[in-house]
Amino acid sequence: MAAGAENAYRYDWAEAADAPALGQVMYDAIHSDPSPYSAAQRQAWLATPPDGPRWQAKLAAQHVAVARSGKSPIGMMTLDDTGYLDLAFVRPNFQGQGHLRHLWAMITEKARSLGCRDITTHASLSAQAPFTVLGFTLIRHEEVEKDGQLLKRAEMRFVL
């Protein structure tokens, strides 16, 4: 193996064994600073890294594109069979390096293969700008309540 090859980035589809690491990716991204959400809002959104049977079932029900540094997941993006993009997270120290675009290419290809006409999502305020750059349009802003906290988000759509 060439020097540094173990640190090369790669993009593939998740396996069941990735679930705990993907939960940590999600947790790290939500709890990183800077954030448009307060510490209390982030705690309400996701108090601990998701893991266990419910998390595994959630991931198993979706197509999960994974960005890896070596063998370790550093990012993910998920799509269900209806064209709903549920999760999109990149570890803070790997953001801004093009990983989201690689994951997005996998997701759009999958959506087309499923016959989807569009991709919809409810993006966090942190994700709204990157999703806009990817070509999503804003449908509306809304607030959802989670554990006593109001979280603002953006309903968005991408036409395939």
Protein backbone atom coordinates (compact mmCIF):
# COMPACT_ATOMS: atom_id res chain seq x y z
CA MET A 1 0.00 0.00 0.00
CA ALA A 2 1.31 3.42 -0.92
CA ALA A 3 2.20 5.82 1.86
CA GLY A 4 -0.83 7.82 2.91
CA ALA A 5 -3.25 5.49 1.11
CA GLU A 6 -4.85 4.53 4.41
CA ASN A 7 -5.95 8.17 4.79
CA ALA A 8 -7.48 8.43 1.31
CA TYR A 9 -11.11 9.47 1.13
CA ARG A 10 -13.64 7.12 -0.36
CA TYR A 11 -17.39 7.13 -0.85
CA ASP A 12 -19.59 4.06 -0.68
CA TRP A 13 -22.85 2.71 0.73
CA ALA A 14 -23.17 2.01 4.44
CA GLU A 15 -23.14 -1.44 5.97
CA ALA A 16 -24.96 -2.37 9.18
CA ALA A 17 -21.67 -2.29 11.10
CA ASP A 18 -21.32 1.43 10.30
CA ALA A 19 -24.34 2.41 12.42
CA PRO A 20 -22.52 3.37 15.66
CA ALA A 21 -19.89 5.43 13.82
CA LEU A 22 -22.58 7.18 11.76
CA GLY A 23 -24.43 8.05 14.96
CA GLN A 24 -21.24 9.66 16.24
CA VAL A 25 -20.81 11.60 12.96
CA MET A 26 -24.33 12.98 13.39
CA TYR A 27 -23.79 13.87 17.04
CA ASP A 28 -20.43 15.58 16.37
CA ALA A 29 -21.88 17.66 13.53
CA ILE A 30 -24.91 18.79 15.56
CA HIS A 31 -22.86 19.71 18.63
CA SER A 32 -20.08 21.58 16.85
CA ASP A 33 -19.57 25.32 16.90
CA PRO A 34 -20.30 27.70 15.39
CA SER A 35 -23.99 26.83 15.24
CA PRO A 36 -27.19 28.78 14.71
CA TYR A 37 -28.67 26.67 17.53
CA SER A 38 -28.11 27.18 21.25
CA ALA A 39 -26.53 24.47 23.39
CA ALA A 40 -29.99 23.74 24.85
CA GLN A 41 -31.48 23.38 21.36
CA ARG A 42 -28.70 21.02 20.25
CA GLN A 43 -29.13 18.96 23.42
CA ALA A 44 -32.87 18.67 22.74
CA TRP A 45 -32.24 17.78 19.10
CA LEU A 46 -29.80 14.99 19.92
CA ALA A 47 -28.73 14.42 23.52
CA THR A 48 -26.49 11.42 22.81
CA PRO A 49 -25.12 9.73 19.69
CA PRO A 50 -27.85 7.47 18.26
CA ASP A 51 -27.15 3.74 18.43
CA GLY A 52 -28.96 0.49 19.03
CA PRO A 53 -31.81 -1.31 17.26
CA ARG A 54 -33.96 1.77 16.49
CA TRP A 55 -31.01 3.61 14.94
CA GLN A 56 -29.96 0.53 12.97
CA ALA A 57 -33.53 0.10 11.70
CA LYS A 58 -33.72 3.78 10.69
CA LEU A 59 -30.55 3.47 8.64
CA ALA A 60 -31.52 0.08 7.19
CA ALA A 61 -34.75 1.59 5.85
CA GLN A 62 -32.79 4.15 3.78
CA HIS A 63 -30.01 4.34 1.21
CA VAL A 64 -27.03 5.65 3.20
CA ALA A 65 -24.10 7.17 1.32
CA VAL A 66 -20.94 7.34 3.42
CA ALA A 67 -17.76 9.41 3.15
CA ARG A 68 -14.75 7.73 4.73
CA SER A 69 -11.26 8.70 5.72
CA GLY A 70 -9.49 5.38 5.55
CA LYS A 71 -12.09 3.02 7.01
CA SER A 72 -13.68 5.55 9.36
CA PRO A 73 -16.96 7.28 8.43
CA ILE A 74 -16.62 11.06 8.37
CA GLY A 75 -19.91 11.92 6.68
CA MET A 76 -23.23 10.55 5.53
CA MET A 77 -26.33 11.38 3.54
CA THR A 78 -29.50 9.30 3.48
CA LEU A 79 -32.40 8.92 1.05
CA ASP A 80 -35.60 6.93 1.34
CA ASP A 81 -37.38 5.35 -1.61
CA THR A 82 -39.78 8.31 -1.96
CA GLY A 83 -36.96 10.82 -2.53
CA TYR A 84 -36.83 12.22 1.00
CA LEU A 85 -33.34 13.18 2.15
CA ASP A 86 -33.48 12.51 5.88
CA LEU A 87 -29.92 12.92 7.19
CA ALA A 88 -26.86 14.79 5.93
CA PHE A 89 -23.91 15.27 8.26
CA VAL A 90 -20.13 15.68 7.95
CA ARG A 91 -17.78 15.67 10.93
CA PRO A 92 -16.76 19.25 11.75
CA ASN A 93 -13.05 18.86 10.96
CA PHE A 94 -13.92 17.48 7.48
CA GLN A 95 -16.49 20.12 6.48
CA GLY A 96 -15.79 22.42 3.55
CA GLN A 97 -13.63 19.84 1.76
CA GLY A 98 -16.12 18.65 -0.89
CA HIS A 99 -17.42 15.55 0.90
CA LEU A 100 -21.02 16.77 0.79
CA ARG A 101 -20.80 17.09 -3.01
CA HIS A 102 -19.53 13.50 -3.36
CA LEU A 103 -22.34 12.20 -1.15
CA TRP A 104 -24.84 14.32 -3.07
CA ALA A 105 -23.71 12.79 -6.39
CA MET A 106 -24.39 9.32 -4.98
CA ILE A 107 -27.79 10.35 -3.63
CA THR A 108 -28.98 12.00 -6.86
CA GLU A 109 -27.90 8.97 -8.88
CA LYS A 110 -29.81 6.70 -6.47
CA ALA A 111 -32.90 8.94 -6.61
CA ARG A 112 -32.89 8.82 -10.40
CA SER A 113 -32.54 5.03 -10.36
CA LEU A 114 -35.57 4.87 -8.04
CA GLY A 115 -37.60 6.98 -10.49
CA CYS A 116 -37.87 10.00 -8.19
CA ARG A 117 -38.76 13.31 -9.81
CA ASP A 118 -37.45 15.40 -6.95
CA ILE A 119 -35.68 15.22 -3.62
CA THR A 120 -37.17 16.93 -0.58
CA THR A 121 -35.73 17.59 2.84
CA HIS A 122 -36.17 19.48 6.07
CA ALA A 123 -32.77 21.12 6.43
CA SER A 124 -31.37 22.53 9.62
CA LEU A 125 -30.36 26.17 9.49
CA SER A 126 -26.76 24.90 9.37
CA ALA A 127 -27.52 22.84 6.25
CA GLN A 128 -29.69 25.36 4.42
CA ALA A 129 -26.81 27.27 2.78
CA PRO A 130 -24.91 24.15 1.61
CA PHE A 131 -28.16 22.66 0.26
CA THR A 132 -28.87 25.91 -1.60
CA VAL A 133 -25.44 25.65 -3.22
CA LEU A 134 -26.32 22.08 -4.29
CA GLY A 135 -29.40 23.44 -6.08
CA PHE A 136 -32.20 23.07 -3.54
CA THR A 137 -34.86 25.76 -3.40
CA LEU A 138 -36.54 26.92 -0.22
CA ILE A 139 -40.21 26.02 0.13
CA ARG A 140 -40.70 27.55 3.58
CA HIS A 141 -39.19 28.02 7.01
CA GLU A 142 -40.84 26.33 9.95
CA GLU A 143 -40.31 25.60 13.63
CA VAL A 144 -40.59 22.20 15.26
CA GLU A 145 -40.71 21.51 19.00
CA LYS A 146 -38.33 18.97 20.45
CA ASP A 147 -38.06 18.38 24.19
CA GLY A 148 -39.30 21.87 25.04
CA GLN A 149 -37.08 23.65 22.52
CA LEU A 150 -38.18 25.28 19.25
CA LEU A 151 -35.89 24.39 16.36
CA LYS A 152 -36.05 26.37 13.12
CA ARG A 153 -35.57 24.48 9.88
CA ALA A 154 -36.08 24.89 6.14
CA GLU A 155 -38.30 22.73 3.98
CA MET A 156 -36.45 22.45 0.67
CA ARG A 157 -36.78 20.77 -2.73
CA PHE A 158 -34.45 19.75 -5.53
CA VAL A 159 -35.95 18.91 -8.94
CA LEU A 160 -34.14 16.04 -10.69
